[in-house]
């Protein structure tokens, strides 16, 4: 299943142009960001082994000759323990409104658990209606992914102890992390997941290994409705440069510190000053000046972020130099400042100030 040329598109012939929004959902740490980055071909969302990494609905734009998908990377759906957690779930609710297709990620190396069932229940409440067994409307329709007729003809049923559900949009199961299983284990897992809900299609993938990524792309495109191109060919995200840089900085600290990093970390880009457009003396050397504030909840956490002789700040700057230059569009200096915002995860005013 390994993709030999991940960006090579099959001959589309005279197929109509398709476009729409795809909500990428799943519990924390199932590979949502990794898959989106792999489909787009570059990093537009933080990918980390730490759960609850994504905090905003990052929208990556995938454009081919005959289709454009806006992939919405949602925070993992979970039981909130803080006001921040509730805000993240609110982000998911907003992201799910008016989507044309849902990609439900389920990891191959883990059992289907309460979190997955909770997500399925939530999706049913938004995108399905319950019908009585045996009624005309409960008869199963052929999914768009198998008939090629698009999302308009995709009304699927889902068995449930109280009846069946008719789905309003295509529901694609994407089975991630298949590299963790042998072939026999994978086949058993695919059968288990296909029985979990009446999915339009079930697609296995290892995004890290680029294994079957092109098939995921094909299935998502085949199930999106016909529509016009919404963004220029070269645009890969809806995020503002400030938001993209803030996410990259937070992701870099996740990689740099691993388990040492307090989860109560927030990053805000305060300003991007460009030479000739600002009176900031820091731009006199011809480089843009990117001012970044890094917030933790306690004073004791600041040394963890800064490191001995500021080694962590130095390493993050080195790691992001090329990416920040590309985002800003010129050579830039990243200026990192670590600050304390006590209890910000549960403070409504501070959450709003930090962009949540």
Protein backbone atom coordinates (compact mmCIF):
# COMPACT_ATOMS: atom_id res chain seq x y z
CA UNK A 1 0.00 0.00 0.00
CA UNK A 2 3.01 2.31 0.22
CA UNK A 3 2.64 5.47 -1.87
CA UNK A 4 5.43 5.74 -4.42
CA UNK A 5 4.50 9.28 -5.40
CA UNK A 6 2.26 10.78 -2.78
CA UNK A 7 1.54 13.97 -4.74
CA UNK A 8 0.83 12.24 -8.05
CA UNK A 9 -2.81 12.46 -9.00
CA UNK A 10 -4.61 9.78 -11.02
CA UNK A 11 -6.01 10.68 -14.40
CA UNK A 12 -9.23 12.45 -13.51
CA UNK A 13 -10.58 12.56 -17.07
CA UNK A 14 -13.60 14.79 -17.30
CA UNK A 15 -14.78 14.38 -13.71
CA UNK A 16 -16.61 17.40 -12.28
CA UNK A 17 -14.78 19.67 -9.85
CA UNK A 18 -15.43 18.87 -6.19
CA UNK A 19 -14.90 21.03 -3.12
CA UNK A 20 -15.93 21.22 0.51
CA UNK A 21 -15.02 21.03 4.17
CA UNK A 22 -13.89 17.81 5.84
CA UNK A 23 -13.97 17.61 9.65
CA UNK A 24 -11.15 15.39 10.91
CA UNK A 25 -12.31 14.04 14.27
CA UNK A 26 -11.17 11.51 16.85
CA UNK A 27 -10.11 11.28 20.45
CA UNK A 28 -6.78 12.84 21.46
CA UNK A 29 -3.56 11.47 19.99
CA UNK A 30 -4.99 9.34 17.17
CA UNK A 31 -2.96 11.04 14.42
CA UNK A 32 -5.29 13.77 13.13
CA UNK A 33 -2.59 16.41 12.69
CA UNK A 34 -0.09 13.91 11.26
CA UNK A 35 -2.59 12.78 8.63
CA UNK A 36 -3.48 16.33 7.59
CA UNK A 37 0.18 17.29 7.30
CA UNK A 38 0.81 14.21 5.19
CA UNK A 39 -2.14 14.93 2.88
CA UNK A 40 -1.13 18.59 2.43
CA UNK A 41 2.56 17.72 2.01
CA UNK A 42 3.85 20.16 4.64
CA UNK A 43 3.25 21.02 8.30
CA UNK A 44 0.10 23.03 8.91
CA UNK A 45 -0.77 21.52 12.30
CA UNK A 46 1.24 20.42 15.33
CA UNK A 47 1.90 16.69 15.32
CA UNK A 48 3.06 15.32 18.67
CA UNK A 49 2.84 12.14 20.71
CA UNK A 50 1.36 14.17 23.57
CA UNK A 51 -2.45 14.08 23.81
CA UNK A 52 -4.54 17.23 23.36
CA UNK A 53 -1.86 18.94 21.28
CA UNK A 54 -4.24 20.69 18.87
CA UNK A 55 -6.06 23.57 20.56
CA UNK A 56 -7.60 25.35 17.59
CA UNK A 57 -9.43 24.29 14.46
CA UNK A 58 -6.52 24.39 12.04
CA UNK A 59 -7.69 24.39 8.43
CA UNK A 60 -5.37 22.85 5.86
CA UNK A 61 -6.20 23.25 2.18
CA UNK A 62 -5.59 20.38 -0.23
CA UNK A 63 -5.88 21.34 -3.91
CA UNK A 64 -5.67 18.96 -6.86
CA UNK A 65 -6.54 19.38 -10.55
CA UNK A 66 -10.16 18.43 -9.94
CA UNK A 67 -10.84 19.05 -6.26
CA UNK A 68 -10.19 21.22 -3.24
CA UNK A 69 -10.63 19.95 0.31
CA UNK A 70 -10.50 22.14 3.40
CA UNK A 71 -9.34 19.74 6.12
CA UNK A 72 -10.38 20.95 9.57
CA UNK A 73 -8.06 19.55 12.25
CA UNK A 74 -10.13 19.61 15.42
CA UNK A 75 -8.98 19.31 19.04
CA UNK A 76 -9.44 15.79 20.34
CA UNK A 77 -12.93 15.27 21.76
CA UNK A 78 -12.58 14.51 25.47
CA UNK A 79 -14.17 15.05 28.86
CA UNK A 80 -13.07 18.58 29.86
CA UNK A 81 -11.25 19.02 33.18
CA UNK A 82 -10.76 22.78 32.88
CA UNK A 83 -12.45 25.74 31.25
CA UNK A 84 -9.85 25.44 28.51
CA UNK A 85 -10.98 21.85 27.94
CA UNK A 86 -14.57 23.02 27.59
CA UNK A 87 -13.49 25.75 25.17
CA UNK A 88 -11.68 23.13 23.08
CA UNK A 89 -14.87 21.07 22.91
CA UNK A 90 -16.71 24.23 21.86
CA UNK A 91 -14.16 24.61 19.04
CA UNK A 92 -15.09 21.10 17.90
CA UNK A 93 -18.80 22.01 17.89
CA UNK A 94 -18.12 25.07 15.76
CA UNK A 95 -15.87 23.10 13.42
CA UNK A 96 -18.54 20.48 12.84
CA UNK A 97 -21.12 23.02 11.69
CA UNK A 98 -21.77 22.95 7.95
CA UNK A 99 -19.12 20.36 7.05
CA UNK A 100 -19.60 18.28 3.91
CA UNK A 101 -17.83 15.14 5.10
CA UNK A 102 -16.44 13.60 8.29
CA UNK A 103 -13.19 11.68 8.63
CA UNK A 104 -13.40 9.70 11.88
CA UNK A 105 -9.92 8.54 12.90
CA UNK A 106 -9.57 5.32 14.88
CA UNK A 107 -6.11 3.95 15.83
CA UNK A 108 -5.36 0.41 14.71
CA UNK A 109 -3.20 -0.30 17.77
CA UNK A 110 -5.92 0.46 20.34
CA UNK A 111 -9.29 -0.99 21.22
CA UNK A 112 -12.47 0.90 20.43
CA UNK A 113 -13.21 2.56 23.75
CA UNK A 114 -15.63 4.85 25.56
CA UNK A 115 -14.07 7.91 23.96
CA UNK A 116 -14.75 6.60 20.46
CA UNK A 117 -18.32 5.71 21.40
CA UNK A 118 -18.84 9.18 22.84
CA UNK A 119 -17.64 10.74 19.59
CA UNK A 120 -19.93 8.51 17.53
CA UNK A 121 -22.85 9.55 19.72
CA UNK A 122 -21.95 13.19 19.24
CA UNK A 123 -21.72 12.78 15.48
CA UNK A 124 -25.11 11.06 15.43
CA UNK A 125 -26.68 14.01 17.23
CA UNK A 126 -25.28 16.41 14.62
CA UNK A 127 -25.36 14.45 11.37
CA UNK A 128 -27.86 11.62 11.64
CA UNK A 129 -31.52 11.09 12.31
CA UNK A 130 -33.06 8.06 13.92
CA UNK A 131 -35.63 6.03 12.00
CA UNK A 132 -37.67 2.97 12.83
CA UNK A 133 -36.48 -0.40 11.65
CA UNK A 134 -38.19 -1.56 8.50
CA UNK A 135 -39.40 1.87 7.42
CA UNK A 136 -38.73 3.00 3.88
CA UNK A 137 -36.38 5.74 5.05
CA UNK A 138 -34.31 3.25 7.04
CA UNK A 139 -33.37 1.22 3.98
CA UNK A 140 -29.67 1.53 3.33
CA UNK A 141 -28.59 3.74 0.46
CA UNK A 142 -25.36 3.23 -1.41
CA UNK A 143 -22.62 5.51 -0.04
CA UNK A 144 -21.02 8.11 -2.30
CA UNK A 145 -17.59 6.59 -1.77
CA UNK A 146 -18.79 3.39 -3.40
CA UNK A 147 -21.20 4.73 -5.98
CA UNK A 148 -19.24 7.84 -7.01
CA UNK A 149 -22.40 9.96 -6.92
CA UNK A 150 -21.17 12.43 -4.30
CA UNK A 151 -22.37 13.40 -0.86
CA UNK A 152 -25.88 14.24 -1.98
CA UNK A 153 -26.69 10.55 -2.46
CA UNK A 154 -24.93 9.47 0.72
CA UNK A 155 -27.51 8.56 3.34
CA UNK A 156 -26.19 5.71 5.43
CA UNK A 157 -27.73 3.79 8.29
CA UNK A 158 -26.17 2.96 11.62
CA UNK A 159 -27.44 0.02 13.68
CA UNK A 160 -28.42 0.94 17.21
CA UNK A 161 -30.35 -0.76 19.95
CA UNK A 162 -33.17 1.79 19.57
CA UNK A 163 -33.35 1.71 15.76
CA UNK A 164 -31.18 2.93 12.94
CA UNK A 165 -29.53 6.18 11.95
CA UNK A 166 -29.59 7.79 8.52
CA UNK A 167 -26.42 9.83 7.96
CA UNK A 168 -26.68 13.23 6.29
CA UNK A 169 -23.04 13.43 5.19
CA UNK A 170 -20.42 10.80 4.29
CA UNK A 171 -18.76 9.28 7.36
CA UNK A 172 -15.31 7.89 6.52
CA UNK A 173 -13.44 5.69 8.99
CA UNK A 174 -9.70 6.21 8.71
CA UNK A 175 -7.78 3.53 10.58
CA UNK A 176 -4.46 5.08 11.61
CA UNK A 177 -1.12 3.67 12.80
CA UNK A 178 -1.46 0.45 10.77
CA UNK A 179 2.32 0.00 10.88
CA UNK A 180 1.85 -1.24 14.46
CA UNK A 181 -0.05 -4.39 13.29
CA UNK A 182 0.76 -7.38 11.12
CA UNK A 183 -1.52 -8.22 8.19
CA UNK A 184 -3.72 -10.68 10.09
CA UNK A 185 -4.18 -8.27 13.01
CA UNK A 186 -4.99 -5.45 10.61
CA UNK A 187 -7.69 -7.45 8.82
CA UNK A 188 -9.32 -8.26 12.16
CA UNK A 189 -9.18 -4.59 13.18
CA UNK A 190 -10.76 -3.44 9.89
CA UNK A 191 -13.63 -5.89 10.40
CA UNK A 192 -14.11 -4.68 13.98
CA UNK A 193 -14.22 -1.04 12.91
CA UNK A 194 -16.55 -1.70 9.99
CA UNK A 195 -19.01 -3.17 12.50
CA UNK A 196 -18.65 -0.26 14.91
CA UNK A 197 -20.74 2.02 12.66
CA UNK A 198 -22.09 1.94 9.12
CA UNK A 199 -19.29 3.93 7.56
CA UNK A 200 -19.36 5.11 3.95
CA UNK A 201 -15.86 3.68 3.60
CA UNK A 202 -13.07 2.33 5.80
CA UNK A 203 -9.49 3.23 4.83
CA UNK A 204 -6.31 2.05 6.60
CA UNK A 205 -3.31 4.39 6.67
CA UNK A 206 0.07 5.04 8.23
CA UNK A 207 0.59 8.76 7.70
CA UNK A 208 4.09 8.71 9.20
CA UNK A 209 5.14 6.03 6.74
CA UNK A 210 3.13 7.53 3.83
CA UNK A 211 1.44 4.15 3.55
CA UNK A 212 -1.90 4.40 1.68
CA UNK A 213 -2.11 8.21 2.01
CA UNK A 214 -3.04 8.54 -1.67
CA UNK A 215 -6.00 6.19 -1.13
CA UNK A 216 -7.22 8.33 1.78
CA UNK A 217 -6.99 11.36 -0.52
CA UNK A 218 -8.95 9.59 -3.26
CA UNK A 219 -11.73 8.45 -0.92
CA UNK A 220 -12.12 11.90 0.65
CA UNK A 221 -12.30 13.55 -2.77
CA UNK A 222 -14.77 11.00 -4.15
CA UNK A 223 -17.14 11.68 -1.25
CA UNK A 224 -17.09 15.48 -1.32
CA UNK A 225 -19.89 17.21 -3.28
CA UNK A 226 -19.42 19.03 -6.56
CA UNK A 227 -18.50 22.67 -6.07
CA UNK A 228 -16.18 25.51 -7.13
CA UNK A 229 -12.60 26.14 -6.08
CA UNK A 230 -12.60 28.32 -2.95
CA UNK A 231 -8.92 29.22 -2.48
CA UNK A 232 -5.91 29.92 -4.74
CA UNK A 233 -3.88 26.90 -5.84
CA UNK A 234 -0.90 27.82 -3.69
CA UNK A 235 -2.76 28.49 -0.42
CA UNK A 236 -2.35 25.61 2.05
CA UNK A 237 -3.93 27.05 5.20
CA UNK A 238 -6.50 29.56 6.42
CA UNK A 239 -4.35 30.53 9.40
CA UNK A 240 -2.85 34.00 9.79
CA UNK A 241 0.98 34.10 9.94
CA UNK A 242 0.79 35.00 13.66
CA UNK A 243 -1.34 31.94 14.45
CA UNK A 244 0.82 29.62 12.35
CA UNK A 245 4.03 30.80 14.03
CA UNK A 246 2.46 30.51 17.50
CA UNK A 247 1.49 26.90 16.80
CA UNK A 248 4.98 26.12 15.44
CA UNK A 249 6.60 27.57 18.57
CA UNK A 250 4.35 25.53 20.85
CA UNK A 251 5.01 22.41 18.79
CA UNK A 252 8.76 23.00 18.94
CA UNK A 253 8.65 23.16 22.73
CA UNK A 254 6.60 19.96 22.79
CA UNK A 255 9.40 18.24 20.87
CA UNK A 256 12.25 19.95 22.74
CA UNK A 257 11.05 19.21 26.28
CA UNK A 258 8.89 16.10 25.86
CA UNK A 259 7.55 15.05 29.28
CA UNK A 260 9.21 17.98 31.09
CA UNK A 261 6.89 20.47 29.42
CA UNK A 262 3.98 21.64 31.52
CA UNK A 263 0.76 21.12 29.62
CA UNK A 264 -0.32 24.60 30.71
CA UNK A 265 1.64 26.27 27.92
CA UNK A 266 0.16 28.96 25.66
CA UNK A 267 1.91 30.91 22.90
CA UNK A 268 0.92 34.28 21.42
CA UNK A 269 2.68 36.19 18.64
CA UNK A 270 2.46 39.79 19.81
CA UNK A 271 3.77 41.41 16.65
CA UNK A 272 5.58 40.93 13.35
CA UNK A 273 7.53 44.09 12.52
CA UNK A 274 8.98 44.33 9.02
CA UNK A 275 11.79 46.63 7.82
CA UNK A 276 10.42 49.80 6.25
CA UNK A 277 6.99 49.23 7.79
CA UNK A 278 7.86 49.76 11.44
CA UNK A 279 9.92 52.14 13.59
CA UNK A 280 11.09 49.18 15.68
CA UNK A 281 14.92 49.52 15.88
CA UNK A 282 15.17 45.71 15.85
CA UNK A 283 14.40 45.82 12.10
CA UNK A 284 17.29 48.12 11.21
CA UNK A 285 19.42 45.12 10.19
CA UNK A 286 16.93 44.35 7.40
CA UNK A 287 15.29 41.42 9.18
CA UNK A 288 11.70 41.15 10.36
CA UNK A 289 11.24 41.05 14.12
CA UNK A 290 8.78 38.45 15.46
CA UNK A 291 7.85 39.06 19.11
CA UNK A 292 6.49 35.95 20.85
CA UNK A 293 5.11 35.58 24.39
CA UNK A 294 5.13 32.12 25.97
CA UNK A 295 2.79 31.76 28.95
CA UNK A 296 2.91 29.24 31.79
CA UNK A 297 0.72 29.09 34.91
CA UNK A 298 3.37 29.15 37.66
CA UNK A 299 6.73 30.82 38.23
CA UNK A 300 8.27 27.42 38.92
CA UNK A 301 7.53 26.43 35.31
CA UNK A 302 9.54 29.24 33.72
CA UNK A 303 12.96 27.57 34.21
CA UNK A 304 11.62 24.42 32.53
CA UNK A 305 10.81 26.42 29.40
CA UNK A 306 13.94 28.56 29.39
CA UNK A 307 16.47 25.85 30.24
CA UNK A 308 20.03 26.14 31.54
CA UNK A 309 21.58 29.29 30.06
CA UNK A 310 18.46 29.63 27.88
CA UNK A 311 19.38 26.46 25.97
CA UNK A 312 15.75 25.56 25.20
CA UNK A 313 14.98 29.00 23.78
CA UNK A 314 18.10 28.81 21.62
CA UNK A 315 17.23 25.36 20.29
CA UNK A 316 13.65 26.34 19.44
CA UNK A 317 14.88 29.42 17.56
CA UNK A 318 17.31 27.30 15.55
CA UNK A 319 14.67 24.68 14.80
CA UNK A 320 12.14 27.24 13.52
CA UNK A 321 14.43 29.66 11.69
CA UNK A 322 13.68 28.38 8.19
CA UNK A 323 9.95 27.85 8.80
CA UNK A 324 9.47 31.34 10.25
CA UNK A 325 11.40 32.94 7.38
CA UNK A 326 9.12 31.15 4.92
CA UNK A 327 5.93 32.21 6.72
CA UNK A 328 6.99 35.85 7.11
CA UNK A 329 8.38 35.97 3.58
CA UNK A 330 11.86 37.22 4.51
CA UNK A 331 14.72 36.69 6.96
CA UNK A 332 13.40 37.10 10.49
CA UNK A 333 14.46 37.16 14.13
CA UNK A 334 12.37 35.20 16.63
CA UNK A 335 12.24 36.97 20.01
CA UNK A 336 10.89 34.64 22.73
CA UNK A 337 9.75 35.85 26.16
CA UNK A 338 8.46 33.53 28.90
CA UNK A 339 5.72 34.97 31.12
CA UNK A 340 3.37 33.81 33.87
CA UNK A 341 -0.42 33.91 33.58
CA UNK A 342 -1.57 32.30 36.81
CA UNK A 343 -4.34 29.72 36.38
CA UNK A 344 -5.06 30.81 32.80
CA UNK A 345 -6.66 27.47 31.85
CA UNK A 346 -9.61 28.23 34.15
CA UNK A 347 -9.76 32.02 33.87
CA UNK A 348 -12.29 33.26 31.25
CA UNK A 349 -10.62 36.66 30.80
CA UNK A 350 -7.14 35.21 30.36
CA UNK A 351 -8.43 32.52 28.00
CA UNK A 352 -9.96 35.21 25.82
CA UNK A 353 -6.73 37.24 25.88
CA UNK A 354 -4.78 34.15 24.84
CA UNK A 355 -7.10 33.49 21.92
CA UNK A 356 -9.42 30.83 23.30
